[in-house]
């Protein structure tokens, strides 16, 4: 599968040129965010097709995609988004945390796999977050994972070309472990935040 993607992307680059190919990937990223196309897969493809140049392409494209979801969710689909999210207790707790914590909650949630990325984007769109808080938290929170995914694609490209540097796989493995540990710790932290917010909400209701 990886070899097929590399061969297809290389052929496509030769046919249409690097800028046209980058534009095509960016469009898929942006509009794929609306329908929950898996971002990790697209980031890995960026690494396979463009090497490390795929990192800025993936980060910028993912940012634009997240921005589009935020605008659509806030101005066009707000009632529908809320009707879906209110059935999920975790999503409701996350919304309350975002309302209380703002940027910090966005940053933590983006670095945690508690909710899928697209679900998070739509969820953020119905809160009182400013666009600046949302984009800043999104870009900073997703950057480590995107970098590792692009690195994965870049390594796959090097492996297939027989150009893997000594120790590259070891270094990549350390990166994977570090991200998993960080994700676990951040997930534990955001769970504490959500639990505290839910407890505060319960106390306010009891007092009322």
C-alpha atoms as a PDB file:
ATOM      1  CA  UNK A   1       0.000   0.000   0.000  1.00  0.00           C
ATOM      2  CA  UNK A   2       2.784   2.421   0.971  1.00  0.00           C
ATOM      3  CA  UNK A   3       4.723   1.591  -2.185  1.00  0.00           C
ATOM      4  CA  UNK A   4       1.590   2.152  -4.271  1.00  0.00           C
ATOM      5  CA  UNK A   5       0.959   5.560  -2.678  1.00  0.00           C
ATOM      6  CA  UNK A   6       4.595   6.597  -3.218  1.00  0.00           C
ATOM      7  CA  UNK A   7       4.598   5.425  -6.828  1.00  0.00           C
ATOM      8  CA  UNK A   8       1.259   7.106  -7.555  1.00  0.00           C
ATOM      9  CA  UNK A   9       2.232  10.365  -5.870  1.00  0.00           C
ATOM     10  CA  UNK A  10       5.598  10.458  -7.655  1.00  0.00           C
ATOM     11  CA  UNK A  11       3.906   9.905 -11.007  1.00  0.00           C
ATOM     12  CA  UNK A  12       1.325  12.579 -10.209  1.00  0.00           C
ATOM     13  CA  UNK A  13       4.055  15.059  -9.252  1.00  0.00           C
ATOM     14  CA  UNK A  14       5.825  14.418 -12.541  1.00  0.00           C
ATOM     15  CA  UNK A  15       2.631  14.936 -14.513  1.00  0.00           C
ATOM     16  CA  UNK A  16       1.181  18.046 -12.888  1.00  0.00           C
ATOM     17  CA  UNK A  17       4.132  19.647 -11.103  1.00  0.00           C
ATOM     18  CA  UNK A  18       4.821  20.114  -7.419  1.00  0.00           C
ATOM     19  CA  UNK A  19       2.725  23.274  -6.970  1.00  0.00           C
ATOM     20  CA  UNK A  20      -0.379  21.793  -8.564  1.00  0.00           C
ATOM     21  CA  UNK A  21       0.054  18.637  -6.509  1.00  0.00           C
ATOM     22  CA  UNK A  22       0.467  20.670  -3.309  1.00  0.00           C
ATOM     23  CA  UNK A  23      -2.694  22.620  -4.138  1.00  0.00           C
ATOM     24  CA  UNK A  24      -4.607  19.378  -4.710  1.00  0.00           C
ATOM     25  CA  UNK A  25      -3.466  17.993  -1.350  1.00  0.00           C
ATOM     26  CA  UNK A  26      -4.389  21.262   0.382  1.00  0.00           C
ATOM     27  CA  UNK A  27      -7.889  21.168  -1.111  1.00  0.00           C
ATOM     28  CA  UNK A  28      -8.371  17.579   0.063  1.00  0.00           C
ATOM     29  CA  UNK A  29      -7.168  18.585   3.538  1.00  0.00           C
ATOM     30  CA  UNK A  30      -9.463  21.602   3.762  1.00  0.00           C
ATOM     31  CA  UNK A  31     -12.665  20.066   2.475  1.00  0.00           C
ATOM     32  CA  UNK A  32     -11.866  16.665   3.981  1.00  0.00           C
ATOM     33  CA  UNK A  33     -12.121  18.299   7.399  1.00  0.00           C
ATOM     34  CA  UNK A  34     -15.826  18.915   6.755  1.00  0.00           C
ATOM     35  CA  UNK A  35     -16.566  15.226   6.231  1.00  0.00           C
ATOM     36  CA  UNK A  36     -14.025  13.762   8.678  1.00  0.00           C
ATOM     37  CA  UNK A  37     -11.412  12.446   6.223  1.00  0.00           C
ATOM     38  CA  UNK A  38      -8.683  11.054   8.555  1.00  0.00           C
ATOM     39  CA  UNK A  39      -6.031  13.750   8.963  1.00  0.00           C
ATOM     40  CA  UNK A  40      -3.254  11.298   9.998  1.00  0.00           C
ATOM     41  CA  UNK A  41      -3.549   9.506   6.654  1.00  0.00           C
ATOM     42  CA  UNK A  42      -3.337  12.785   4.732  1.00  0.00           C
ATOM     43  CA  UNK A  43      -0.312  13.883   6.793  1.00  0.00           C
ATOM     44  CA  UNK A  44       1.487  10.607   6.097  1.00  0.00           C
ATOM     45  CA  UNK A  45       0.747  11.012   2.381  1.00  0.00           C
ATOM     46  CA  UNK A  46       2.259  14.516   2.573  1.00  0.00           C
ATOM     47  CA  UNK A  47       5.449  12.976   3.933  1.00  0.00           C
ATOM     48  CA  UNK A  48       5.473  10.259   1.285  1.00  0.00           C
ATOM     49  CA  UNK A  49       4.891  12.669  -1.574  1.00  0.00           C
ATOM     50  CA  UNK A  50       6.827  15.775  -0.510  1.00  0.00           C
ATOM     51  CA  UNK A  51       9.248  14.677   2.203  1.00  0.00           C
ATOM     52  CA  UNK A  52       9.740  17.257   4.966  1.00  0.00           C
ATOM     53  CA  UNK A  53       8.233  19.925   2.709  1.00  0.00           C
ATOM     54  CA  UNK A  54       4.993  18.124   3.479  1.00  0.00           C
ATOM     55  CA  UNK A  55       5.096  19.407   7.071  1.00  0.00           C
ATOM     56  CA  UNK A  56       4.287  23.092   6.388  1.00  0.00           C
ATOM     57  CA  UNK A  57       1.815  21.956   3.737  1.00  0.00           C
ATOM     58  CA  UNK A  58       0.037  19.658   6.213  1.00  0.00           C
ATOM     59  CA  UNK A  59       0.054  22.196   9.062  1.00  0.00           C
ATOM     60  CA  UNK A  60      -1.258  25.078   6.952  1.00  0.00           C
ATOM     61  CA  UNK A  61      -3.825  22.920   5.155  1.00  0.00           C
ATOM     62  CA  UNK A  62      -5.072  21.368   8.400  1.00  0.00           C
ATOM     63  CA  UNK A  63      -5.352  24.875   9.857  1.00  0.00           C
ATOM     64  CA  UNK A  64      -7.454  26.087   6.938  1.00  0.00           C
ATOM     65  CA  UNK A  65      -9.594  22.968   7.166  1.00  0.00           C
ATOM     66  CA  UNK A  66     -10.192  23.525  10.869  1.00  0.00           C
ATOM     67  CA  UNK A  67     -11.033  27.182  10.180  1.00  0.00           C
ATOM     68  CA  UNK A  68     -13.590  26.165   7.544  1.00  0.00           C
ATOM     69  CA  UNK A  69     -15.267  23.705   9.938  1.00  0.00           C
ATOM     70  CA  UNK A  70     -15.392  26.385  12.640  1.00  0.00           C
ATOM     71  CA  UNK A  71     -17.054  28.925  10.338  1.00  0.00           C
ATOM     72  CA  UNK A  72     -19.531  26.413   8.898  1.00  0.00           C
ATOM     73  CA  UNK A  73     -20.369  25.012  12.329  1.00  0.00           C
ATOM     74  CA  UNK A  74     -20.851  28.419  13.937  1.00  0.00           C
ATOM     75  CA  UNK A  75     -22.829  30.135  11.184  1.00  0.00           C
ATOM     76  CA  UNK A  76     -24.605  27.365   9.273  1.00  0.00           C
ATOM     77  CA  UNK A  77     -24.875  24.161  11.324  1.00  0.00           C
ATOM     78  CA  UNK A  78     -24.988  25.334  14.939  1.00  0.00           C
ATOM     79  CA  UNK A  79     -28.424  23.816  15.826  1.00  0.00           C
ATOM     80  CA  UNK A  80     -27.589  20.532  14.127  1.00  0.00           C
ATOM     81  CA  UNK A  81     -24.157  20.326  15.777  1.00  0.00           C
ATOM     82  CA  UNK A  82     -25.647  20.907  19.229  1.00  0.00           C
ATOM     83  CA  UNK A  83     -28.412  18.347  18.659  1.00  0.00           C
ATOM     84  CA  UNK A  84     -25.742  15.747  17.904  1.00  0.00           C
ATOM     85  CA  UNK A  85     -23.328  16.682  20.682  1.00  0.00           C
ATOM     86  CA  UNK A  86     -25.896  16.888  23.472  1.00  0.00           C
ATOM     87  CA  UNK A  87     -26.343  13.122  23.223  1.00  0.00           C
ATOM     88  CA  UNK A  88     -22.695  12.594  24.182  1.00  0.00           C
ATOM     89  CA  UNK A  89     -21.873  13.208  27.824  1.00  0.00           C
ATOM     90  CA  UNK A  90     -18.145  13.591  27.126  1.00  0.00           C
ATOM     91  CA  UNK A  91     -18.821  16.226  24.463  1.00  0.00           C
ATOM     92  CA  UNK A  92     -21.048  18.174  26.846  1.00  0.00           C
ATOM     93  CA  UNK A  93     -18.335  18.117  29.501  1.00  0.00           C
ATOM     94  CA  UNK A  94     -15.759  19.230  26.940  1.00  0.00           C
ATOM     95  CA  UNK A  95     -17.972  22.140  25.886  1.00  0.00           C
ATOM     96  CA  UNK A  96     -18.234  23.278  29.516  1.00  0.00           C
ATOM     97  CA  UNK A  97     -14.465  22.975  29.924  1.00  0.00           C
ATOM     98  CA  UNK A  98     -13.887  25.082  26.804  1.00  0.00           C
ATOM     99  CA  UNK A  99     -16.292  27.735  28.055  1.00  0.00           C
ATOM    100  CA  UNK A 100     -14.360  27.932  31.335  1.00  0.00           C
ATOM    101  CA  UNK A 101     -10.781  27.392  30.152  1.00  0.00           C
ATOM    102  CA  UNK A 102     -10.815  28.845  26.630  1.00  0.00           C
ATOM    103  CA  UNK A 103      -7.495  28.510  24.784  1.00  0.00           C
ATOM    104  CA  UNK A 104      -6.003  26.103  27.342  1.00  0.00           C
ATOM    105  CA  UNK A 105      -8.864  23.648  26.902  1.00  0.00           C
ATOM    106  CA  UNK A 106      -8.553  23.792  23.107  1.00  0.00           C
ATOM    107  CA  UNK A 107      -4.823  23.106  23.353  1.00  0.00           C
ATOM    108  CA  UNK A 108      -5.271  20.135  25.695  1.00  0.00           C
ATOM    109  CA  UNK A 109      -8.163  18.622  23.755  1.00  0.00           C
ATOM    110  CA  UNK A 110      -6.292  18.924  20.446  1.00  0.00           C
ATOM    111  CA  UNK A 111      -3.391  16.993  21.962  1.00  0.00           C
ATOM    112  CA  UNK A 112      -5.711  14.319  23.354  1.00  0.00           C
ATOM    113  CA  UNK A 113      -7.551  11.579  21.413  1.00  0.00           C
ATOM    114  CA  UNK A 114     -10.644  11.801  23.643  1.00  0.00           C
ATOM    115  CA  UNK A 115     -12.709  13.004  20.682  1.00  0.00           C
ATOM    116  CA  UNK A 116     -12.013  12.793  16.906  1.00  0.00           C
ATOM    117  CA  UNK A 117     -10.506  15.941  15.404  1.00  0.00           C
ATOM    118  CA  UNK A 118     -13.512  16.825  13.241  1.00  0.00           C
ATOM    119  CA  UNK A 119     -15.907  16.294  16.152  1.00  0.00           C
ATOM    120  CA  UNK A 120     -13.765  18.626  18.229  1.00  0.00           C
ATOM    121  CA  UNK A 121     -13.794  21.292  15.503  1.00  0.00           C
ATOM    122  CA  UNK A 122     -17.579  21.265  15.240  1.00  0.00           C
ATOM    123  CA  UNK A 123     -17.841  21.198  19.023  1.00  0.00           C
ATOM    124  CA  UNK A 124     -15.597  24.255  19.379  1.00  0.00           C
ATOM    125  CA  UNK A 125     -17.704  26.119  16.818  1.00  0.00           C
ATOM    126  CA  UNK A 126     -20.751  26.233  19.105  1.00  0.00           C
ATOM    127  CA  UNK A 127     -18.841  27.613  22.102  1.00  0.00           C
ATOM    128  CA  UNK A 128     -18.009  31.232  22.886  1.00  0.00           C
ATOM    129  CA  UNK A 129     -14.398  30.798  21.747  1.00  0.00           C
ATOM    130  CA  UNK A 130     -12.964  33.554  19.616  1.00  0.00           C
ATOM    131  CA  UNK A 131     -11.590  32.554  16.232  1.00  0.00           C
ATOM    132  CA  UNK A 132      -8.072  33.508  17.371  1.00  0.00           C
ATOM    133  CA  UNK A 133      -8.251  31.288  20.468  1.00  0.00           C
ATOM    134  CA  UNK A 134      -9.564  28.433  18.370  1.00  0.00           C
ATOM    135  CA  UNK A 135      -6.941  28.619  15.611  1.00  0.00           C
ATOM    136  CA  UNK A 136      -4.021  29.187  17.982  1.00  0.00           C
ATOM    137  CA  UNK A 137      -5.019  26.238  20.181  1.00  0.00           C
ATOM    138  CA  UNK A 138      -5.677  24.047  17.144  1.00  0.00           C
ATOM    139  CA  UNK A 139      -2.383  24.713  15.357  1.00  0.00           C
ATOM    140  CA  UNK A 140      -0.240  24.384  18.482  1.00  0.00           C
ATOM    141  CA  UNK A 141      -2.144  21.367  19.762  1.00  0.00           C
ATOM    142  CA  UNK A 142      -2.029  19.373  16.516  1.00  0.00           C
ATOM    143  CA  UNK A 143       1.532  20.277  15.500  1.00  0.00           C
ATOM    144  CA  UNK A 144       3.339  17.439  17.375  1.00  0.00           C
ATOM    145  CA  UNK A 145       1.081  14.727  15.945  1.00  0.00           C
ATOM    146  CA  UNK A 146       1.184  16.144  12.411  1.00  0.00           C
ATOM    147  CA  UNK A 147       4.982  16.376  12.569  1.00  0.00           C
ATOM    148  CA  UNK A 148       5.248  12.728  13.594  1.00  0.00           C
ATOM    149  CA  UNK A 149       2.801  11.648  10.887  1.00  0.00           C
ATOM    150  CA  UNK A 150       4.707  13.541   8.176  1.00  0.00           C
ATOM    151  CA  UNK A 151       7.933  12.074   9.559  1.00  0.00           C
ATOM    152  CA  UNK A 152       6.366   8.620   9.224  1.00  0.00           C
ATOM    153  CA  UNK A 153       5.625   9.283   5.557  1.00  0.00           C
ATOM    154  CA  UNK A 154       9.105  10.693   5.003  1.00  0.00           C
ATOM    155  CA  UNK A 155      10.674   7.601   6.552  1.00  0.00           C
ATOM    156  CA  UNK A 156       8.499   5.371   4.392  1.00  0.00           C
ATOM    157  CA  UNK A 157       9.710   7.278   1.348  1.00  0.00           C
ATOM    158  CA  UNK A 158      13.332   6.803   2.432  1.00  0.00           C
ATOM    159  CA  UNK A 159      12.848   3.101   3.187  1.00  0.00           C
ATOM    160  CA  UNK A 160      11.380   2.431  -0.252  1.00  0.00           C
ATOM    161  CA  UNK A 161      14.204   4.380  -1.864  1.00  0.00           C
ATOM    162  CA  UNK A 162      16.829   2.564   0.230  1.00  0.00           C
ATOM    163  CA  UNK A 163      18.081   5.835   1.715  1.00  0.00           C
ATOM    164  CA  UNK A 164      17.342   5.438   5.426  1.00  0.00           C
ATOM    165  CA  UNK A 165      20.001   7.110   7.560  1.00  0.00           C
ATOM    166  CA  UNK A 166      21.554   5.015  10.379  1.00  0.00           C
ATOM    167  CA  UNK A 167      19.580   5.443  13.559  1.00  0.00           C
ATOM    168  CA  UNK A 168      16.633   7.129  11.821  1.00  0.00           C
ATOM    169  CA  UNK A 169      14.204   4.375  12.757  1.00  0.00           C
ATOM    170  CA  UNK A 170      15.439   4.394  16.377  1.00  0.00           C
ATOM    171  CA  UNK A 171      14.971   8.157  16.601  1.00  0.00           C
ATOM    172  CA  UNK A 172      11.504   7.863  15.047  1.00  0.00           C
ATOM    173  CA  UNK A 173      10.610   5.134  17.556  1.00  0.00           C
ATOM    174  CA  UNK A 174      11.593   7.434  20.413  1.00  0.00           C
ATOM    175  CA  UNK A 175       9.390  10.107  18.871  1.00  0.00           C
ATOM    176  CA  UNK A 176       6.423   7.736  18.737  1.00  0.00           C
ATOM    177  CA  UNK A 177       6.922   6.667  22.364  1.00  0.00           C
ATOM    178  CA  UNK A 178       7.299  10.291  23.490  1.00  0.00           C
ATOM    179  CA  UNK A 179       4.087  11.291  21.719  1.00  0.00           C
ATOM    180  CA  UNK A 180       2.183   8.336  23.192  1.00  0.00           C
ATOM    181  CA  UNK A 181       3.373   9.170  26.713  1.00  0.00           C
ATOM    182  CA  UNK A 182       2.588  12.864  26.251  1.00  0.00           C
ATOM    183  CA  UNK A 183      -0.854  12.015  24.869  1.00  0.00           C
ATOM    184  CA  UNK A 184      -1.562   9.759  27.849  1.00  0.00           C
ATOM    185  CA  UNK A 185      -0.490  12.418  30.354  1.00  0.00           C
ATOM    186  CA  UNK A 186      -2.447  15.146  28.577  1.00  0.00           C
ATOM    187  CA  UNK A 187      -5.473  12.859  28.359  1.00  0.00           C
ATOM    188  CA  UNK A 188      -5.276  12.309  32.107  1.00  0.00           C
ATOM    189  CA  UNK A 189      -4.980  16.060  32.647  1.00  0.00           C
ATOM    190  CA  UNK A 190      -7.975  16.931  30.461  1.00  0.00           C
ATOM    191  CA  UNK A 191     -10.025  14.243  32.230  1.00  0.00           C
ATOM    192  CA  UNK A 192      -9.241  15.951  35.531  1.00  0.00           C
ATOM    193  CA  UNK A 193     -10.286  19.299  34.066  1.00  0.00           C
ATOM    194  CA  UNK A 194     -13.528  17.816  32.736  1.00  0.00           C
ATOM    195  CA  UNK A 195     -14.235  16.068  36.049  1.00  0.00           C
ATOM    196  CA  UNK A 196     -13.633  19.283  37.989  1.00  0.00           C
ATOM    197  CA  UNK A 197     -15.868  21.264  35.643  1.00  0.00           C
ATOM    198  CA  UNK A 198     -18.641  18.662  35.924  1.00  0.00           C
ATOM    199  CA  UNK A 199     -18.344  18.731  39.736  1.00  0.00           C
ATOM    200  CA  UNK A 200     -18.561  22.528  39.749  1.00  0.00           C
ATOM    201  CA  UNK A 201     -21.601  22.376  37.509  1.00  0.00           C
ATOM    202  CA  UNK A 202     -23.260  19.893  39.853  1.00  0.00           C
ATOM    203  CA  UNK A 203     -22.580  22.113  42.856  1.00  0.00           C
ATOM    204  CA  UNK A 204     -24.039  25.148  41.071  1.00  0.00           C
ATOM    205  CA  UNK A 205     -27.203  23.208  40.215  1.00  0.00           C
ATOM    206  CA  UNK A 206     -27.522  21.947  43.800  1.00  0.00           C
ATOM    207  CA  UNK A 207     -27.099  25.463  45.154  1.00  0.00           C
ATOM    208  CA  UNK A 208     -29.719  26.792  42.768  1.00  0.00           C
END
